[in-house]
Amino acid sequence: MRWAAVFLTGLWVFVSACGPAVPSAPVENTFFLMDTVVKVTVHQSEPGKDINRAIQLSADLMQCIEQKTSAHSDSSEIVRINQNSGRVPVTVSPETEWILCRAIEISRQTGGLFDVSMGIMNHLWGFGTGLYRVPEDNEIRHTLEKVDYRAIQVENGLVLLQKPGMALDLGGIAKGYIIDQAVASLQSEGMTAGIVEAGGDLRIFGEHPKRGKWTIGVLHPRDKDQFLYGIIETDAASIATSGDYERFFIKNGKRYHHILNPRTGYSASQSISVTIKAEDALSADAYATAVFVLGPDKGIAFIESMPDLEGLVLYMENETIKHRLSSGMESCFTLYGER
């Protein structure tokens, strides 16, 4: 069997080159959004539907939501919330309100290991700006006082950060939400099978027109020559990968990466890559971050406690990469090269 492969940050999507013919070749569009490469691919649609128009509408929708939820655009709702922290509530769109309510819910479920109020801590380390630095211990302790999802007040379209100096960063959840909305837009336009991908997150809808199931490759977090660590065979689903190789810097021989532990303010150290499979991309995106912080043992236990989640956790042991799988992932995951 021949394979074609499409690169993602953390994931690959494979398209089989054999099997029955499909009505037409996949139609795709690639663009830059959310500080990453985004690709919308439609494999199948209802007869007579304008695929290119549907893709463009989904792209426009994604851009619109990103403009509201970005922490790096002066005109965004998130920036206005941050600018008014500890002062006055800010009126936000239904999209931003819904994302924040869901973020608070996930924060409660994970005991605060997922926390969108980590914006000020991300800024302290230079993640998001590229001006990386290792803060002093006292800087981190002082900044942690302003990290608290419980101090995010959301009510009737108004958002207030109750502590002065707090800052939101929706980087660990908004991307998933935006992908979900893009898929909903495509489906409303008569698209019946395809993928929306954005920097390590993706959502698959419909059946693969040739095989039914879809094949997703999980990137190897260390070995560039081997490139892939494993393969996931799946029906329609959302998959997100968080890894310590995505945004990081090396200082005095130590790796510092952007997945920070909200309890310590330092890079989480027990995992090196986490892949989560869920029904929606928002959940996959956010829970991948939380499970990464939890580490392999507690992370897998948490996944098993959530009926709609499956996962893969990669970690180092004696300088060797090992992995743990949730029970539901065991039947659909294969190490690369063992197919």
Protein backbone atom coordinates (compact mmCIF):
# COMPACT_ATOMS: atom_id res chain seq x y z
CA MET A 1 0.00 0.00 0.00
CA ARG A 2 1.28 3.48 -0.87
CA TRP A 3 0.70 6.39 1.49
CA ALA A 4 0.65 10.12 1.16
CA ALA A 5 1.16 12.07 4.37
CA VAL A 6 0.17 15.56 5.44
CA PHE A 7 2.30 17.23 8.16
CA LEU A 8 0.86 18.68 11.35
CA THR A 9 2.55 19.93 14.50
CA GLY A 10 2.46 16.75 16.56
CA LEU A 11 0.28 14.74 14.15
CA TRP A 12 0.29 13.45 10.57
CA VAL A 13 -2.78 12.63 8.51
CA PHE A 14 -2.33 9.74 6.05
CA VAL A 15 -4.38 9.29 2.91
CA SER A 16 -4.47 5.82 1.40
CA ALA A 17 -3.54 5.64 -2.24
CA CYS A 18 -5.44 2.42 -2.87
CA GLY A 19 -9.05 1.33 -2.59
CA PRO A 20 -12.21 2.29 -4.48
CA ALA A 21 -12.36 5.56 -6.37
CA VAL A 22 -13.91 8.59 -4.75
CA PRO A 23 -16.13 11.11 -6.57
CA SER A 24 -13.37 13.70 -6.70
CA ALA A 25 -9.96 14.47 -5.27
CA PRO A 26 -9.90 16.13 -1.84
CA VAL A 27 -10.17 19.92 -1.96
CA GLU A 28 -8.02 21.81 0.52
CA ASN A 29 -6.94 25.27 1.51
CA THR A 30 -3.99 26.17 3.76
CA PHE A 31 -3.54 29.49 5.53
CA PHE A 32 -1.84 31.01 8.57
CA LEU A 33 -4.02 31.69 11.60
CA MET A 34 -3.72 31.43 15.39
CA ASP A 35 0.06 31.67 15.00
CA THR A 36 0.14 28.35 13.16
CA VAL A 37 -0.60 26.70 9.82
CA VAL A 38 -4.28 25.82 9.41
CA LYS A 39 -5.55 23.44 6.76
CA VAL A 40 -9.14 22.70 5.80
CA THR A 41 -9.63 19.60 3.65
CA VAL A 42 -12.92 18.35 2.26
CA HIS A 43 -12.97 14.76 1.01
CA GLN A 44 -16.64 14.50 0.19
CA SER A 45 -19.76 16.66 -0.03
CA GLU A 46 -23.40 16.48 -0.93
CA PRO A 47 -24.05 16.63 -4.70
CA GLY A 48 -23.97 20.11 -6.20
CA LYS A 49 -22.40 21.84 -3.20
CA ASP A 50 -19.70 24.48 -3.70
CA ILE A 51 -16.73 23.05 -1.79
CA ASN A 52 -14.43 26.03 -2.28
CA ARG A 53 -17.11 28.40 -1.00
CA ALA A 54 -17.67 26.20 2.06
CA ILE A 55 -13.95 26.18 2.84
CA GLN A 56 -13.73 29.95 2.48
CA LEU A 57 -16.70 30.49 4.78
CA SER A 58 -15.09 28.27 7.44
CA ALA A 59 -11.82 30.17 7.09
CA ASP A 60 -13.60 33.51 7.49
CA LEU A 61 -15.38 32.22 10.58
CA MET A 62 -12.13 31.00 12.14
CA GLN A 63 -10.48 34.35 11.53
CA CYS A 64 -13.42 36.20 13.07
CA ILE A 65 -13.33 34.13 16.27
CA GLU A 66 -9.56 34.36 16.51
CA GLN A 67 -9.74 38.15 16.37
CA LYS A 68 -11.96 38.07 19.45
CA THR A 69 -10.02 35.50 21.47
CA SER A 70 -6.36 36.21 20.71
CA ALA A 71 -4.13 37.39 23.56
CA HIS A 72 -1.85 39.13 21.06
CA SER A 73 -4.21 41.46 19.20
CA ASP A 74 -4.90 44.89 20.68
CA SER A 75 -8.47 44.79 19.36
CA SER A 76 -9.40 41.40 20.87
CA GLU A 77 -11.83 40.88 23.70
CA ILE A 78 -9.21 38.96 25.67
CA VAL A 79 -6.77 41.87 25.55
CA ARG A 80 -9.52 44.25 26.72
CA ILE A 81 -10.34 41.90 29.60
CA ASN A 82 -6.66 41.78 30.58
CA GLN A 83 -6.29 45.55 30.36
CA ASN A 84 -9.20 45.95 32.79
CA SER A 85 -8.21 43.25 35.28
CA GLY A 86 -9.08 44.17 38.85
CA ARG A 87 -11.08 47.18 37.63
CA VAL A 88 -14.26 46.80 35.60
CA PRO A 89 -16.04 43.99 33.75
CA VAL A 90 -15.81 43.85 29.96
CA THR A 91 -18.64 43.01 27.56
CA VAL A 92 -17.77 40.00 25.41
CA SER A 93 -19.30 38.03 22.54
CA PRO A 94 -21.21 34.78 23.11
CA GLU A 95 -18.21 32.88 21.69
CA THR A 96 -15.76 34.28 24.22
CA GLU A 97 -18.22 33.81 27.09
CA TRP A 98 -18.84 30.18 26.12
CA ILE A 99 -15.11 29.41 25.84
CA LEU A 100 -14.41 30.94 29.24
CA CYS A 101 -17.27 29.06 30.90
CA ARG A 102 -15.99 25.79 29.44
CA ALA A 103 -12.43 26.68 30.47
CA ILE A 104 -13.53 27.25 34.07
CA GLU A 105 -15.40 23.94 34.05
CA ILE A 106 -12.31 22.06 32.82
CA SER A 107 -10.17 23.90 35.39
CA ARG A 108 -12.45 22.62 38.15
CA GLN A 109 -12.33 19.07 36.77
CA THR A 110 -8.52 19.11 36.68
CA GLY A 111 -7.98 20.81 40.01
CA GLY A 112 -6.57 23.88 38.30
CA LEU A 113 -3.95 22.04 36.22
CA PHE A 114 -5.59 23.61 33.22
CA ASP A 115 -5.89 27.36 33.85
CA VAL A 116 -6.47 30.08 31.24
CA SER A 117 -5.33 32.74 33.72
CA MET A 118 -1.73 31.61 33.07
CA GLY A 119 -1.32 34.47 30.59
CA ILE A 120 0.84 36.53 32.92
CA MET A 121 3.06 33.53 33.65
CA ASN A 122 3.48 32.76 29.95
CA HIS A 123 4.54 36.36 29.44
CA LEU A 124 7.04 36.13 32.31
CA TRP A 125 8.82 33.24 30.58
CA GLY A 126 8.62 34.90 27.16
CA PHE A 127 6.35 32.28 25.59
CA GLY A 128 4.24 33.99 22.97
CA THR A 129 6.82 36.75 22.47
CA GLY A 130 9.92 34.70 21.68
CA LEU A 131 11.92 36.67 24.26
CA TYR A 132 12.68 33.61 26.36
CA ARG A 133 14.15 33.83 29.84
CA VAL A 134 14.31 31.81 33.05
CA PRO A 135 12.65 33.94 35.75
CA GLU A 136 13.95 34.16 39.28
CA ASP A 137 12.15 32.06 41.90
CA ASN A 138 10.74 35.14 43.61
CA GLU A 139 9.35 36.43 40.29
CA ILE A 140 7.51 33.16 39.78
CA ARG A 141 6.12 33.15 43.32
CA HIS A 142 4.89 36.73 42.93
CA THR A 143 3.31 35.98 39.55
CA LEU A 144 1.58 32.83 40.80
CA GLU A 145 -0.44 35.04 43.15
CA LYS A 146 -2.20 36.38 40.04
CA VAL A 147 -2.95 32.94 38.55
CA ASP A 148 -6.36 31.67 39.67
CA TYR A 149 -9.20 30.49 37.43
CA ARG A 150 -11.55 30.96 40.42
CA ALA A 151 -10.99 34.72 40.11
CA ILE A 152 -12.46 34.79 36.60
CA GLN A 153 -16.00 36.14 36.87
CA VAL A 154 -18.27 35.43 33.89
CA GLU A 155 -21.90 36.48 34.01
CA ASN A 156 -24.47 37.71 31.48
CA GLY A 157 -21.94 38.55 28.78
CA LEU A 158 -19.59 40.34 31.18
CA VAL A 159 -16.11 39.15 32.22
CA LEU A 160 -14.04 40.45 35.08
CA LEU A 161 -10.64 39.32 36.30
CA GLN A 162 -10.97 40.00 40.00
CA LYS A 163 -7.25 40.34 40.78
CA PRO A 164 -5.26 43.31 39.39
CA GLY A 165 -2.55 42.15 37.00
CA MET A 166 -4.29 38.90 36.02
CA ALA A 167 -4.15 37.96 32.35
CA LEU A 168 -6.01 35.41 30.25
CA ASP A 169 -4.44 33.34 27.50
CA LEU A 170 -6.82 31.03 25.62
CA GLY A 171 -4.02 29.34 23.67
CA GLY A 172 -4.82 25.98 25.24
CA ILE A 173 -8.53 25.96 24.38
CA ALA A 174 -9.58 28.56 21.79
CA LYS A 175 -7.88 26.74 18.93
CA GLY A 176 -10.00 23.67 19.61
CA TYR A 177 -13.16 25.73 19.78
CA ILE A 178 -12.31 27.46 16.51
CA ILE A 179 -11.75 24.08 14.83
CA ASP A 180 -15.13 22.86 16.12
CA GLN A 181 -16.88 25.91 14.70
CA ALA A 182 -15.13 25.48 11.35
CA VAL A 183 -16.35 21.88 11.15
CA ALA A 184 -19.90 22.96 12.04
CA SER A 185 -19.74 25.58 9.28
CA LEU A 186 -18.52 23.04 6.72
CA GLN A 187 -21.26 20.58 7.63
CA SER A 188 -23.92 23.29 7.40
CA GLU A 189 -22.75 23.90 3.82
CA GLY A 190 -23.18 20.24 2.87
CA MET A 191 -19.64 18.96 3.40
CA THR A 192 -19.87 15.34 4.58
CA ALA A 193 -16.26 14.22 5.15
CA GLY A 194 -13.05 16.06 5.84
CA ILE A 195 -10.53 17.39 8.33
CA VAL A 196 -9.76 20.74 9.92
CA GLU A 197 -6.20 20.87 11.27
CA ALA A 198 -4.37 23.56 13.23
CA GLY A 199 -0.98 23.19 14.85
CA GLY A 200 -1.28 19.81 16.54
CA ASP A 201 -5.07 19.81 16.84
CA LEU A 202 -7.54 18.34 14.36
CA ARG A 203 -11.13 17.30 13.98
CA ILE A 204 -12.25 14.66 11.52
CA PHE A 205 -15.87 14.54 10.37
CA GLY A 206 -17.60 11.86 8.30
CA GLU A 207 -16.21 8.59 6.99
CA HIS A 208 -13.06 8.31 4.95
CA PRO A 209 -14.43 7.92 1.39
CA LYS A 210 -12.04 5.04 0.61
CA ARG A 211 -11.55 3.13 3.85
CA GLY A 212 -14.12 4.40 6.33
CA LYS A 213 -11.51 4.88 9.05
CA TRP A 214 -8.85 7.60 9.15
CA THR A 215 -5.15 7.12 9.84
CA ILE A 216 -3.34 9.64 12.04
CA GLY A 217 0.37 9.60 12.74
CA VAL A 218 1.76 10.81 16.08
CA LEU A 219 5.12 12.53 15.67
CA HIS A 220 8.17 11.26 17.50
CA PRO A 221 9.05 13.93 20.09
CA ARG A 222 12.81 13.43 19.84
CA ASP A 223 13.93 11.35 16.84
CA LYS A 224 13.73 13.44 13.65
CA ASP A 225 14.99 10.51 11.56
CA GLN A 226 12.28 8.10 12.69
CA PHE A 227 9.82 11.01 12.65
CA LEU A 228 6.72 9.06 13.71
CA TYR A 229 6.18 7.41 17.06
CA GLY A 230 2.89 5.67 16.34
CA ILE A 231 -0.30 5.41 14.29
CA ILE A 232 -3.92 5.92 15.36
CA GLU A 233 -6.77 4.38 13.36
CA THR A 234 -10.02 6.17 14.09
CA ASP A 235 -13.53 7.03 13.01
CA ALA A 236 -14.67 10.65 13.11
CA ALA A 237 -13.06 12.21 16.19
CA SER A 238 -10.98 15.08 17.50
CA ILE A 239 -7.30 14.56 18.30
CA ALA A 240 -4.86 16.99 19.91
CA THR A 241 -1.21 16.63 20.84
CA SER A 242 0.72 18.73 23.35
CA GLY A 243 4.48 18.29 23.53
CA ASP A 244 7.58 19.80 25.07
CA TYR A 245 9.10 20.11 21.58
CA GLU A 246 6.57 22.63 20.24
CA ARG A 247 7.75 25.86 21.92
CA PHE A 248 10.87 25.55 24.04
CA PHE A 249 14.35 26.85 24.67
CA ILE A 250 17.51 25.37 26.17
CA LYS A 251 19.30 27.16 29.02
CA ASN A 252 22.42 25.68 30.64
CA GLY A 253 21.57 22.32 29.10
CA LYS A 254 18.02 22.24 30.46
CA ARG A 255 14.86 22.27 28.35
CA TYR A 256 12.19 24.81 29.25
CA HIS A 257 8.90 24.58 27.38
CA HIS A 258 5.58 26.41 27.21
CA ILE A 259 3.41 23.86 29.05
CA LEU A 260 3.68 25.38 32.51
CA ASN A 261 2.35 23.83 35.69
CA PRO A 262 -0.13 26.34 37.22
CA ARG A 263 0.81 25.12 40.70
CA THR A 264 4.57 25.70 40.37
CA GLY A 265 4.98 28.18 37.52
CA TYR A 266 7.65 25.98 35.94
CA SER A 267 7.55 23.73 32.87
CA ALA A 268 5.77 20.45 33.60
CA SER A 269 8.42 17.74 33.60
CA GLN A 270 6.80 14.30 33.82
CA SER A 271 5.58 14.02 30.20
CA ILE A 272 7.17 14.82 26.86
CA SER A 273 4.08 14.37 24.67
CA VAL A 274 0.37 13.79 25.22
CA THR A 275 -2.19 12.92 22.56
CA ILE A 276 -5.87 13.07 23.48
CA LYS A 277 -8.80 11.72 21.47
CA ALA A 278 -12.20 13.26 22.21
CA GLU A 279 -15.53 14.01 20.56
CA ASP A 280 -14.78 17.72 20.11
CA ALA A 281 -11.53 19.59 19.46
CA LEU A 282 -11.98 22.01 22.37
CA SER A 283 -11.96 19.13 24.85
CA ALA A 284 -9.03 17.38 23.17
CA ASP A 285 -7.05 20.64 23.16
CA ALA A 286 -7.62 21.54 26.82
CA TYR A 287 -7.35 18.04 28.30
CA ALA A 288 -4.08 17.40 26.43
CA THR A 289 -2.56 20.27 28.43
CA ALA A 290 -3.96 19.06 31.76
CA VAL A 291 -2.88 15.45 31.22
CA PHE A 292 0.60 16.62 30.21
CA VAL A 293 0.93 18.38 33.57
CA LEU A 294 -0.44 15.36 35.45
CA GLY A 295 2.16 12.99 33.98
CA PRO A 296 1.78 9.38 32.80
CA ASP A 297 0.31 7.68 35.87
CA LYS A 298 -2.10 10.34 37.11
CA GLY A 299 -2.78 11.43 33.54
CA ILE A 300 -3.94 8.01 32.39
CA ALA A 301 -5.98 7.61 35.57
CA PHE A 302 -7.69 10.92 34.85
CA ILE A 303 -8.44 9.89 31.24
CA GLU A 304 -9.96 6.62 32.45
CA SER A 305 -12.25 8.62 34.74
CA MET A 306 -13.60 10.61 31.78
CA PRO A 307 -15.99 8.52 29.61
CA ASP A 308 -15.42 10.49 26.39
CA LEU A 309 -11.61 10.70 26.50
CA GLU A 310 -8.83 8.40 25.32
CA GLY A 311 -5.14 9.16 25.39
CA LEU A 312 -1.48 8.40 24.82
CA VAL A 313 1.21 9.74 27.17
CA LEU A 314 4.90 9.66 26.21
CA TYR A 315 7.53 10.07 28.93
CA MET A 316 11.23 9.46 29.60
CA GLU A 317 12.52 6.65 31.77
CA ASN A 318 16.23 5.91 32.02
CA GLU A 319 16.82 8.09 28.93
CA THR A 320 14.37 5.97 26.93
CA ILE A 321 10.99 7.10 25.60
CA LYS A 322 8.11 5.00 26.88
CA HIS A 323 4.37 5.36 26.64
CA ARG A 324 1.14 4.70 28.47
CA LEU A 325 -2.22 4.15 26.77
CA SER A 326 -5.75 4.49 28.06
CA SER A 327 -7.79 1.31 27.73
CA GLY A 328 -9.80 2.62 24.80
CA MET A 329 -6.70 3.73 22.91
CA GLU A 330 -5.06 0.30 23.03
CA SER A 331 -7.20 -1.10 20.22
CA CYS A 332 -6.55 1.76 17.78
CA PHE A 333 -2.88 2.64 18.45
CA THR A 334 0.14 0.93 16.86
CA LEU A 335 3.81 1.76 17.26
CA TYR A 336 5.26 3.05 14.01
CA GLY A 337 6.93 0.22 12.13
CA GLU A 338 4.80 -2.48 13.73
CA ARG A 339 1.89 -2.20 11.30
